[in-house]
Amino acid sequence: MTASTDLLRQPSRETGGVGANGIAVLFLLLVNILALGMALLALVKGAGPAALLGVIALSLTLTFAASGFYSLQPNEAAAVTLFGAYRGSDRVNGLRWTLPWMAKAKISLRANNLISQQIKVNDLRGNPVEIAAQLVWRVTDTAQALFDVDDYRGFVAAQVEVAMRTIGARYPYDDFEHKEVTLRGDHDRVSGELRAELINRLAVAGITVDECGFTHLAYAPEIAGAMLRRQQAAAVVAARETLVAGAVGMVEMALAQLSEKGVVELDDERKAAMVSNLMVVLCGEREAQPIVNAGSLY
């Protein structure tokens, strides 16, 4: 029982070797039509039973041959079945022919573009994020696409949503300290992982993904305002850190040059006052207002 169940679960595999050249069969069909016309003419002229049998045989042959034609466009295939059993797929373009009792199911091999709907996903830190993706996919195995899933197009749409939820929950949306892989900051890497996830999920349907990427990525509206203020605060802090570091360097350089060139001798108290004034001037958001000292140095 287990062995038979495992056999039924084996995936379908596309095979070729079906379908004949329709042009050659069409030529034979024209010859048959010509022979049928001659037989009918002989029957009209009073030929015997042999002519009648010839007309019947040629008519049946004509009907049999004419009902087996089908055509394939570029990047199109036909899966051929015989009483429900898969017999192979035909990928040769042009006029083709098979036995009339064989059923043909055509399937497109062209690239398809899909833009998913926006879905809400909780990222690694639990923040709700809105995600939408775009992918280019195509059928690589006609047997799997037609016989291993019920509706391969609907299967693609469903697996895209599942893959986006999987990748969206794997990383945080953003990292203010720039120490982690994030959905927003590592687009190429995350898109590559999304493509690998989709290829793995769609393999059962004989479908591959040529390219994919996010078309929409943002915090959900309920937290977007708070996260924007957090980003702005982080940017202000980073700018202040850079400004203070530069100001400290400039103060150190000013004191060193004044001492080296002997321009003025400052005790510790005066150095502290000078450092305070310079830091206010360099780090202040407004332009400094100079004060002219018309008296003594102190």
C-alpha atoms as a PDB file:
ATOM      1  CA  MET A   1       0.000   0.000   0.000  1.00  0.00           C
ATOM      2  CA  THR A   2       2.843   2.382   0.862  1.00  0.00           C
ATOM      3  CA  ALA A   3       4.735   1.571  -2.313  1.00  0.00           C
ATOM      4  CA  SER A   4       1.694   2.251  -4.507  1.00  0.00           C
ATOM      5  CA  THR A   5       1.044   5.544  -2.689  1.00  0.00           C
ATOM      6  CA  ASP A   6       4.638   6.681  -3.209  1.00  0.00           C
ATOM      7  CA  LEU A   7       4.371   5.754  -6.885  1.00  0.00           C
ATOM      8  CA  LEU A   8       1.288   7.934  -7.291  1.00  0.00           C
ATOM      9  CA  ARG A   9       3.085  10.850  -5.649  1.00  0.00           C
ATOM     10  CA  GLN A  10       6.018  10.816  -8.035  1.00  0.00           C
ATOM     11  CA  PRO A  11       6.149  14.066 -10.048  1.00  0.00           C
ATOM     12  CA  SER A  12       5.426  14.030 -13.754  1.00  0.00           C
ATOM     13  CA  ARG A  13       8.325  14.474 -16.159  1.00  0.00           C
ATOM     14  CA  GLU A  14       8.068  15.947 -19.620  1.00  0.00           C
ATOM     15  CA  THR A  15       9.026  13.677 -22.513  1.00  0.00           C
ATOM     16  CA  GLY A  16       9.191  14.362 -26.243  1.00  0.00           C
ATOM     17  CA  GLY A  17       8.889  12.297 -29.365  1.00  0.00           C
ATOM     18  CA  VAL A  18       5.215  12.912 -30.104  1.00  0.00           C
ATOM     19  CA  GLY A  19       3.690  14.664 -33.074  1.00  0.00           C
ATOM     20  CA  ALA A  20       4.523  14.370 -36.762  1.00  0.00           C
ATOM     21  CA  ASN A  21       5.280  16.913 -39.457  1.00  0.00           C
ATOM     22  CA  GLY A  22       1.916  18.295 -40.488  1.00  0.00           C
ATOM     23  CA  ILE A  23       3.181  19.462 -43.895  1.00  0.00           C
ATOM     24  CA  ALA A  24       4.100  15.896 -44.904  1.00  0.00           C
ATOM     25  CA  VAL A  25       0.728  14.592 -43.755  1.00  0.00           C
ATOM     26  CA  LEU A  26      -0.984  17.448 -45.621  1.00  0.00           C
ATOM     27  CA  PHE A  27       0.784  16.406 -48.819  1.00  0.00           C
ATOM     28  CA  LEU A  28      -0.449  12.841 -48.362  1.00  0.00           C
ATOM     29  CA  LEU A  29      -3.903  14.224 -47.694  1.00  0.00           C
ATOM     30  CA  LEU A  30      -3.871  16.085 -50.995  1.00  0.00           C
ATOM     31  CA  VAL A  31      -2.881  12.887 -52.761  1.00  0.00           C
ATOM     32  CA  ASN A  32      -5.766  11.138 -51.001  1.00  0.00           C
ATOM     33  CA  ILE A  33      -8.175  13.868 -52.170  1.00  0.00           C
ATOM     34  CA  LEU A  34      -6.964  13.465 -55.736  1.00  0.00           C
ATOM     35  CA  ALA A  35      -7.416   9.685 -55.543  1.00  0.00           C
ATOM     36  CA  LEU A  36     -10.887  10.137 -54.068  1.00  0.00           C
ATOM     37  CA  GLY A  37     -11.847  12.441 -56.918  1.00  0.00           C
ATOM     38  CA  MET A  38     -10.709   9.871 -59.475  1.00  0.00           C
ATOM     39  CA  ALA A  39     -12.648   7.119 -57.672  1.00  0.00           C
ATOM     40  CA  LEU A  40     -15.797   9.243 -57.638  1.00  0.00           C
ATOM     41  CA  LEU A  41     -15.398   9.940 -61.343  1.00  0.00           C
ATOM     42  CA  ALA A  42     -15.018   6.248 -62.049  1.00  0.00           C
ATOM     43  CA  LEU A  43     -18.108   5.517 -59.939  1.00  0.00           C
ATOM     44  CA  VAL A  44     -20.148   8.057 -61.887  1.00  0.00           C
ATOM     45  CA  LYS A  45     -19.086   6.433 -65.144  1.00  0.00           C
ATOM     46  CA  GLY A  46     -20.528   3.137 -63.970  1.00  0.00           C
ATOM     47  CA  ALA A  47     -17.568   1.370 -62.441  1.00  0.00           C
ATOM     48  CA  GLY A  48     -18.173  -1.774 -60.390  1.00  0.00           C
ATOM     49  CA  PRO A  49     -18.209  -2.413 -56.629  1.00  0.00           C
ATOM     50  CA  ALA A  50     -14.436  -1.954 -56.456  1.00  0.00           C
ATOM     51  CA  ALA A  51     -14.825   1.769 -57.187  1.00  0.00           C
ATOM     52  CA  LEU A  52     -17.476   2.075 -54.470  1.00  0.00           C
ATOM     53  CA  LEU A  53     -15.225   0.367 -51.924  1.00  0.00           C
ATOM     54  CA  GLY A  54     -12.401   2.690 -52.986  1.00  0.00           C
ATOM     55  CA  VAL A  55     -14.556   5.783 -52.435  1.00  0.00           C
ATOM     56  CA  ILE A  56     -15.553   4.582 -48.952  1.00  0.00           C
ATOM     57  CA  ALA A  57     -11.964   3.718 -47.961  1.00  0.00           C
ATOM     58  CA  LEU A  58     -10.556   7.004 -49.273  1.00  0.00           C
ATOM     59  CA  SER A  59     -13.328   8.993 -47.545  1.00  0.00           C
ATOM     60  CA  LEU A  60     -12.589   7.313 -44.213  1.00  0.00           C
ATOM     61  CA  THR A  61      -8.854   7.917 -44.675  1.00  0.00           C
ATOM     62  CA  LEU A  62      -9.495  11.581 -45.501  1.00  0.00           C
ATOM     63  CA  THR A  63     -11.648  12.038 -42.387  1.00  0.00           C
ATOM     64  CA  PHE A  64      -9.098  10.241 -40.210  1.00  0.00           C
ATOM     65  CA  ALA A  65      -6.140  12.295 -41.430  1.00  0.00           C
ATOM     66  CA  ALA A  66      -7.907  15.651 -41.404  1.00  0.00           C
ATOM     67  CA  SER A  67      -8.931  15.345 -37.749  1.00  0.00           C
ATOM     68  CA  GLY A  68      -5.373  14.965 -36.462  1.00  0.00           C
ATOM     69  CA  PHE A  69      -3.957  18.388 -37.405  1.00  0.00           C
ATOM     70  CA  TYR A  70      -2.984  21.057 -34.908  1.00  0.00           C
ATOM     71  CA  SER A  71      -0.591  24.007 -34.937  1.00  0.00           C
ATOM     72  CA  LEU A  72       1.909  25.398 -32.445  1.00  0.00           C
ATOM     73  CA  GLN A  73       3.010  29.018 -32.217  1.00  0.00           C
ATOM     74  CA  PRO A  74       6.535  30.052 -31.164  1.00  0.00           C
ATOM     75  CA  ASN A  75       7.115  29.386 -27.446  1.00  0.00           C
ATOM     76  CA  GLU A  76       4.097  27.124 -27.271  1.00  0.00           C
ATOM     77  CA  ALA A  77       3.856  23.410 -26.498  1.00  0.00           C
ATOM     78  CA  ALA A  78       1.179  20.730 -26.533  1.00  0.00           C
ATOM     79  CA  ALA A  79       0.880  17.899 -24.029  1.00  0.00           C
ATOM     80  CA  VAL A  80      -0.495  14.787 -25.733  1.00  0.00           C
ATOM     81  CA  THR A  81      -2.597  12.253 -23.793  1.00  0.00           C
ATOM     82  CA  LEU A  82      -4.168   8.963 -24.800  1.00  0.00           C
ATOM     83  CA  PHE A  83      -7.297   8.069 -22.823  1.00  0.00           C
ATOM     84  CA  GLY A  84      -5.980  10.068 -19.869  1.00  0.00           C
ATOM     85  CA  ALA A  85      -2.408   8.723 -19.996  1.00  0.00           C
ATOM     86  CA  TYR A  86       0.372  11.205 -20.717  1.00  0.00           C
ATOM     87  CA  ARG A  87       2.273  10.294 -23.900  1.00  0.00           C
ATOM     88  CA  GLY A  88       4.638  13.258 -24.287  1.00  0.00           C
ATOM     89  CA  SER A  89       4.866  16.921 -25.190  1.00  0.00           C
ATOM     90  CA  ASP A  90       5.395  18.506 -28.581  1.00  0.00           C
ATOM     91  CA  ARG A  91       7.459  21.740 -28.697  1.00  0.00           C
ATOM     92  CA  VAL A  92       8.002  21.916 -32.490  1.00  0.00           C
ATOM     93  CA  ASN A  93       6.439  25.018 -34.028  1.00  0.00           C
ATOM     94  CA  GLY A  94       4.255  24.975 -37.115  1.00  0.00           C
ATOM     95  CA  LEU A  95       1.670  22.550 -38.507  1.00  0.00           C
ATOM     96  CA  ARG A  96       1.719  19.256 -36.583  1.00  0.00           C
ATOM     97  CA  TRP A  97      -0.235  15.986 -36.682  1.00  0.00           C
ATOM     98  CA  THR A  98      -1.047  13.169 -34.272  1.00  0.00           C
ATOM     99  CA  LEU A  99      -3.529  10.335 -34.205  1.00  0.00           C
ATOM    100  CA  PRO A 100      -7.051  11.763 -33.982  1.00  0.00           C
ATOM    101  CA  TRP A 101      -7.924   9.984 -30.722  1.00  0.00           C
ATOM    102  CA  MET A 102      -5.024  11.633 -28.919  1.00  0.00           C
ATOM    103  CA  ALA A 103      -5.995  14.716 -26.905  1.00  0.00           C
ATOM    104  CA  LYS A 104      -3.822  17.830 -27.096  1.00  0.00           C
ATOM    105  CA  ALA A 105      -3.550  20.413 -24.292  1.00  0.00           C
ATOM    106  CA  LYS A 106      -1.678  23.543 -25.354  1.00  0.00           C
ATOM    107  CA  ILE A 107       0.399  25.534 -22.876  1.00  0.00           C
ATOM    108  CA  SER A 108       2.399  28.743 -23.289  1.00  0.00           C
ATOM    109  CA  LEU A 109       6.157  28.703 -22.665  1.00  0.00           C
ATOM    110  CA  ARG A 110       6.455  32.484 -22.835  1.00  0.00           C
ATOM    111  CA  ALA A 111       7.688  34.614 -19.954  1.00  0.00           C
ATOM    112  CA  ASN A 112       4.914  35.933 -17.709  1.00  0.00           C
ATOM    113  CA  ASN A 113       5.063  39.072 -15.579  1.00  0.00           C
ATOM    114  CA  LEU A 114       3.242  39.092 -12.252  1.00  0.00           C
ATOM    115  CA  ILE A 115       2.874  42.002  -9.824  1.00  0.00           C
ATOM    116  CA  SER A 116       1.521  40.800  -6.509  1.00  0.00           C
ATOM    117  CA  GLN A 117      -0.927  42.601  -4.289  1.00  0.00           C
ATOM    118  CA  GLN A 118       0.347  44.478  -1.243  1.00  0.00           C
ATOM    119  CA  ILE A 119       0.322  42.322   1.858  1.00  0.00           C
ATOM    120  CA  LYS A 120       1.085  43.147   5.492  1.00  0.00           C
ATOM    121  CA  VAL A 121       3.923  41.162   7.068  1.00  0.00           C
ATOM    122  CA  ASN A 122       5.542  41.354  10.495  1.00  0.00           C
ATOM    123  CA  ASP A 123       9.299  41.713  10.100  1.00  0.00           C
ATOM    124  CA  LEU A 124      11.932  40.099  12.323  1.00  0.00           C
ATOM    125  CA  ARG A 125      11.266  42.619  15.101  1.00  0.00           C
ATOM    126  CA  GLY A 126       7.498  42.322  14.877  1.00  0.00           C
ATOM    127  CA  ASN A 127       6.924  45.626  13.087  1.00  0.00           C
ATOM    128  CA  PRO A 128       4.098  45.514  10.500  1.00  0.00           C
ATOM    129  CA  VAL A 129       5.466  46.105   6.998  1.00  0.00           C
ATOM    130  CA  GLU A 130       3.661  46.406   3.648  1.00  0.00           C
ATOM    131  CA  ILE A 131       5.280  44.403   0.843  1.00  0.00           C
ATOM    132  CA  ALA A 132       4.540  43.852  -2.847  1.00  0.00           C
ATOM    133  CA  ALA A 133       6.709  42.019  -5.367  1.00  0.00           C
ATOM    134  CA  GLN A 134       7.137  41.646  -9.117  1.00  0.00           C
ATOM    135  CA  LEU A 135       8.424  38.510 -10.800  1.00  0.00           C
ATOM    136  CA  VAL A 136       9.012  37.108 -14.279  1.00  0.00           C
ATOM    137  CA  TRP A 137       8.215  33.389 -14.502  1.00  0.00           C
ATOM    138  CA  ARG A 138       7.805  30.775 -17.214  1.00  0.00           C
ATOM    139  CA  VAL A 139       6.910  27.113 -17.607  1.00  0.00           C
ATOM    140  CA  THR A 140       9.861  24.749 -18.020  1.00  0.00           C
ATOM    141  CA  ASP A 141       8.101  21.375 -17.677  1.00  0.00           C
ATOM    142  CA  THR A 142       4.718  21.127 -19.375  1.00  0.00           C
ATOM    143  CA  ALA A 143       3.815  17.810 -17.777  1.00  0.00           C
ATOM    144  CA  GLN A 144       4.297  19.109 -14.237  1.00  0.00           C
ATOM    145  CA  ALA A 145       2.463  22.374 -14.948  1.00  0.00           C
ATOM    146  CA  LEU A 146      -0.580  20.602 -16.396  1.00  0.00           C
ATOM    147  CA  PHE A 147      -0.788  17.414 -14.355  1.00  0.00           C
ATOM    148  CA  ASP A 148       0.906  18.015 -10.970  1.00  0.00           C
ATOM    149  CA  VAL A 149      -1.071  21.131  -9.933  1.00  0.00           C
ATOM    150  CA  ASP A 150      -4.702  21.998 -10.527  1.00  0.00           C
ATOM    151  CA  ASP A 151      -4.163  25.548 -11.828  1.00  0.00           C
ATOM    152  CA  TYR A 152      -0.527  26.493 -12.345  1.00  0.00           C
ATOM    153  CA  ARG A 153      -1.248  30.232 -12.695  1.00  0.00           C
ATOM    154  CA  GLY A 154      -3.200  30.333  -9.455  1.00  0.00           C
ATOM    155  CA  PHE A 155      -0.461  28.226  -7.859  1.00  0.00           C
ATOM    156  CA  VAL A 156       2.133  30.866  -8.788  1.00  0.00           C
ATOM    157  CA  ALA A 157       0.053  33.683  -7.273  1.00  0.00           C
ATOM    158  CA  ALA A 158      -0.442  31.752  -4.018  1.00  0.00           C
ATOM    159  CA  GLN A 159       3.222  30.798  -3.659  1.00  0.00           C
ATOM    160  CA  VAL A 160       4.357  34.392  -4.254  1.00  0.00           C
ATOM    161  CA  GLU A 161       2.413  35.531  -1.194  1.00  0.00           C
ATOM    162  CA  VAL A 162       3.790  32.685   0.941  1.00  0.00           C
ATOM    163  CA  ALA A 163       7.369  33.410  -0.178  1.00  0.00           C
ATOM    164  CA  MET A 164       7.013  37.140   0.569  1.00  0.00           C
ATOM    165  CA  ARG A 165       5.779  36.366   4.074  1.00  0.00           C
ATOM    166  CA  THR A 166       8.694  33.997   4.627  1.00  0.00           C
ATOM    167  CA  ILE A 167      11.363  36.467   3.477  1.00  0.00           C
ATOM    168  CA  GLY A 168       9.655  39.457   5.109  1.00  0.00           C
ATOM    169  CA  ALA A 169       9.721  37.758   8.511  1.00  0.00           C
ATOM    170  CA  ARG A 170      13.370  36.762   8.134  1.00  0.00           C
ATOM    171  CA  TYR A 171      14.875  40.285   8.350  1.00  0.00           C
ATOM    172  CA  PRO A 172      14.058  43.606  10.020  1.00  0.00           C
ATOM    173  CA  TYR A 173      12.774  46.402   7.843  1.00  0.00           C
ATOM    174  CA  ASP A 174      15.565  48.752   8.876  1.00  0.00           C
ATOM    175  CA  ASP A 175      18.575  48.845  11.196  1.00  0.00           C
ATOM    176  CA  PHE A 176      19.481  52.269  12.520  1.00  0.00           C
ATOM    177  CA  GLU A 177      22.915  51.044  13.606  1.00  0.00           C
ATOM    178  CA  HIS A 178      23.667  49.456  10.197  1.00  0.00           C
ATOM    179  CA  LYS A 179      24.824  46.165  11.700  1.00  0.00           C
ATOM    180  CA  GLU A 180      22.214  43.764  10.273  1.00  0.00           C
ATOM    181  CA  VAL A 181      20.880  42.702   6.902  1.00  0.00           C
ATOM    182  CA  THR A 182      17.619  44.581   6.348  1.00  0.00           C
ATOM    183  CA  LEU A 183      14.776  44.536   3.867  1.00  0.00           C
ATOM    184  CA  ARG A 184      15.310  48.192   2.956  1.00  0.00           C
ATOM    185  CA  GLY A 185      19.095  48.357   2.950  1.00  0.00           C
ATOM    186  CA  ASP A 186      20.013  45.038   1.293  1.00  0.00           C
ATOM    187  CA  HIS A 187      17.609  44.948  -1.638  1.00  0.00           C
ATOM    188  CA  ASP A 188      19.758  42.795  -3.942  1.00  0.00           C
ATOM    189  CA  ARG A 189      20.427  40.138  -1.330  1.00  0.00           C
ATOM    190  CA  VAL A 190      16.822  39.961  -0.157  1.00  0.00           C
ATOM    191  CA  SER A 191      15.546  39.830  -3.761  1.00  0.00           C
ATOM    192  CA  GLY A 192      17.966  36.982  -4.470  1.00  0.00           C
ATOM    193  CA  GLU A 193      16.674  35.045  -1.485  1.00  0.00           C
ATOM    194  CA  LEU A 194      13.084  35.705  -2.578  1.00  0.00           C
ATOM    195  CA  ARG A 195      13.879  34.332  -6.055  1.00  0.00           C
ATOM    196  CA  ALA A 196      15.534  31.221  -4.574  1.00  0.00           C
ATOM    197  CA  GLU A 197      12.533  30.687  -2.297  1.00  0.00           C
ATOM    198  CA  LEU A 198      10.120  30.977  -5.225  1.00  0.00           C
ATOM    199  CA  ILE A 199      12.140  28.649  -7.457  1.00  0.00           C
ATOM    200  CA  ASN A 200      12.127  26.035  -4.704  1.00  0.00           C
ATOM    201  CA  ARG A 201       8.375  26.383  -4.137  1.00  0.00           C
ATOM    202  CA  LEU A 202       7.401  26.428  -7.839  1.00  0.00           C
ATOM    203  CA  ALA A 203       9.587  23.474  -8.853  1.00  0.00           C
ATOM    204  CA  VAL A 204       6.674  21.103  -8.158  1.00  0.00           C
ATOM    205  CA  ALA A 205       4.719  22.849 -10.938  1.00  0.00           C
ATOM    206  CA  GLY A 206       7.572  22.842 -13.474  1.00  0.00           C
ATOM    207  CA  ILE A 207       7.960  26.626 -13.262  1.00  0.00           C
ATOM    208  CA  THR A 208      11.093  28.732 -12.850  1.00  0.00           C
ATOM    209  CA  VAL A 209      11.567  32.395 -11.936  1.00  0.00           C
ATOM    210  CA  ASP A 210      13.878  34.482 -14.131  1.00  0.00           C
ATOM    211  CA  GLU A 211      13.877  37.594 -11.954  1.00  0.00           C
ATOM    212  CA  CYS A 212      12.001  39.138  -9.072  1.00  0.00           C
ATOM    213  CA  GLY A 213      12.146  42.090  -6.713  1.00  0.00           C
ATOM    214  CA  PHE A 214      10.092  44.259  -4.404  1.00  0.00           C
ATOM    215  CA  THR A 215       7.889  46.928  -5.954  1.00  0.00           C
ATOM    216  CA  HIS A 216       6.606  48.262  -2.629  1.00  0.00           C
ATOM    217  CA  LEU A 217       8.251  48.178   0.782  1.00  0.00           C
ATOM    218  CA  ALA A 218       7.169  50.447   3.628  1.00  0.00           C
ATOM    219  CA  TYR A 219       6.091  50.460   7.237  1.00  0.00           C
ATOM    220  CA  ALA A 220       2.379  49.941   7.767  1.00  0.00           C
ATOM    221  CA  PRO A 221       0.416  53.216   8.195  1.00  0.00           C
ATOM    222  CA  GLU A 222      -0.220  52.645  11.903  1.00  0.00           C
ATOM    223  CA  ILE A 223       3.496  52.867  12.751  1.00  0.00           C
ATOM    224  CA  ALA A 224       4.850  54.822   9.788  1.00  0.00           C
ATOM    225  CA  GLY A 225       4.727  58.187  11.612  1.00  0.00           C
ATOM    226  CA  ALA A 226       6.522  56.887  14.701  1.00  0.00           C
ATOM    227  CA  MET A 227       9.197  55.169  12.637  1.00  0.00           C
ATOM    228  CA  LEU A 228       9.713  58.325  10.571  1.00  0.00           C
ATOM    229  CA  ARG A 229      10.316  60.330  13.749  1.00  0.00           C
ATOM    230  CA  ARG A 230      12.735  57.648  14.917  1.00  0.00           C
ATOM    231  CA  GLN A 231      14.645  57.813  11.638  1.00  0.00           C
ATOM    232  CA  GLN A 232      14.781  61.599  11.864  1.00  0.00           C
ATOM    233  CA  ALA A 233      16.039  61.446  15.450  1.00  0.00           C
ATOM    234  CA  ALA A 234      18.702  58.934  14.500  1.00  0.00           C
ATOM    235  CA  ALA A 235      19.810  61.178  11.637  1.00  0.00           C
ATOM    236  CA  VAL A 236      20.018  64.207  13.950  1.00  0.00           C
ATOM    237  CA  VAL A 237      22.081  62.252  16.490  1.00  0.00           C
ATOM    238  CA  ALA A 238      24.442  61.025  13.794  1.00  0.00           C
ATOM    239  CA  ALA A 239      24.866  64.564  12.449  1.00  0.00           C
ATOM    240  CA  ARG A 240      25.530  65.903  15.943  1.00  0.00           C
ATOM    241  CA  GLU A 241      28.153  63.229  16.565  1.00  0.00           C
ATOM    242  CA  THR A 242      29.971  64.195  13.393  1.00  0.00           C
ATOM    243  CA  LEU A 243      29.710  67.907  14.238  1.00  0.00           C
ATOM    244  CA  VAL A 244      31.039  67.484  17.785  1.00  0.00           C
ATOM    245  CA  ALA A 245      33.908  65.274  16.631  1.00  0.00           C
ATOM    246  CA  GLY A 246      34.926  67.911  14.091  1.00  0.00           C
ATOM    247  CA  ALA A 247      34.625  70.733  16.615  1.00  0.00           C
ATOM    248  CA  VAL A 248      36.802  68.927  19.151  1.00  0.00           C
ATOM    249  CA  GLY A 249      39.451  68.414  16.510  1.00  0.00           C
ATOM    250  CA  MET A 250      39.396  72.075  15.535  1.00  0.00           C
ATOM    251  CA  VAL A 251      39.670  73.221  19.173  1.00  0.00           C
ATOM    252  CA  GLU A 252      42.624  70.916  19.776  1.00  0.00           C
ATOM    253  CA  MET A 253      44.325  72.243  16.653  1.00  0.00           C
ATOM    254  CA  ALA A 254      43.697  75.900  17.650  1.00  0.00           C
ATOM    255  CA  LEU A 255      45.116  75.456  21.150  1.00  0.00           C
ATOM    256  CA  ALA A 256      48.117  73.555  19.863  1.00  0.00           C
ATOM    257  CA  GLN A 257      48.992  76.201  17.277  1.00  0.00           C
ATOM    258  CA  LEU A 258      48.527  79.085  19.752  1.00  0.00           C
ATOM    259  CA  SER A 259      50.831  77.381  22.218  1.00  0.00           C
ATOM    260  CA  GLU A 260      53.371  76.385  19.556  1.00  0.00           C
ATOM    261  CA  LYS A 261      53.646  79.860  18.031  1.00  0.00           C
ATOM    262  CA  GLY A 262      53.521  81.663  21.372  1.00  0.00           C
ATOM    263  CA  VAL A 263      50.721  83.991  20.290  1.00  0.00           C
ATOM    264  CA  VAL A 264      49.256  84.133  23.779  1.00  0.00           C
ATOM    265  CA  GLU A 265      49.854  82.392  27.075  1.00  0.00           C
ATOM    266  CA  LEU A 266      46.699  80.956  28.602  1.00  0.00           C
ATOM    267  CA  ASP A 267      46.300  79.383  32.008  1.00  0.00           C
ATOM    268  CA  ASP A 268      43.924  76.470  32.585  1.00  0.00           C
ATOM    269  CA  GLU A 269      40.998  78.709  33.445  1.00  0.00           C
ATOM    270  CA  ARG A 270      41.413  80.804  30.277  1.00  0.00           C
ATOM    271  CA  LYS A 271      41.881  77.663  28.186  1.00  0.00           C
ATOM    272  CA  ALA A 272      38.620  76.293  29.576  1.00  0.00           C
ATOM    273  CA  ALA A 273      36.827  79.530  28.741  1.00  0.00           C
ATOM    274  CA  MET A 274      38.311  79.540  25.227  1.00  0.00           C
ATOM    275  CA  VAL A 275      37.338  75.908  24.668  1.00  0.00           C
ATOM    276  CA  SER A 276      33.803  76.671  25.840  1.00  0.00           C
ATOM    277  CA  ASN A 277      33.505  79.652  23.507  1.00  0.00           C
ATOM    278  CA  LEU A 278      34.913  77.749  20.531  1.00  0.00           C
ATOM    279  CA  MET A 279      32.597  74.791  21.082  1.00  0.00           C
ATOM    280  CA  VAL A 280      29.602  77.116  21.267  1.00  0.00           C
ATOM    281  CA  VAL A 281      30.648  78.828  18.037  1.00  0.00           C
ATOM    282  CA  LEU A 282      31.394  75.598  16.165  1.00  0.00           C
ATOM    283  CA  CYS A 283      28.437  73.565  17.402  1.00  0.00           C
ATOM    284  CA  GLY A 284      25.822  76.318  17.536  1.00  0.00           C
ATOM    285  CA  GLU A 285      23.040  76.394  14.943  1.00  0.00           C
ATOM    286  CA  ARG A 286      23.225  80.192  14.667  1.00  0.00           C
ATOM    287  CA  GLU A 287      26.066  82.387  13.500  1.00  0.00           C
ATOM    288  CA  ALA A 288      28.276  83.733  16.301  1.00  0.00           C
ATOM    289  CA  GLN A 289      28.000  87.433  17.199  1.00  0.00           C
ATOM    290  CA  PRO A 290      31.492  88.885  17.810  1.00  0.00           C
ATOM    291  CA  ILE A 291      32.187  90.974  20.905  1.00  0.00           C
ATOM    292  CA  VAL A 292      34.923  93.598  20.577  1.00  0.00           C
ATOM    293  CA  ASN A 293      37.089  93.918  23.693  1.00  0.00           C
ATOM    294  CA  ALA A 294      38.379  97.507  23.862  1.00  0.00           C
ATOM    295  CA  GLY A 295      39.977  97.114  27.279  1.00  0.00           C
ATOM    296  CA  SER A 296      42.731  94.943  28.612  1.00  0.00           C
ATOM    297  CA  LEU A 297      43.237  91.278  27.842  1.00  0.00           C
ATOM    298  CA  TYR A 298      41.408  90.342  31.081  1.00  0.00           C
END
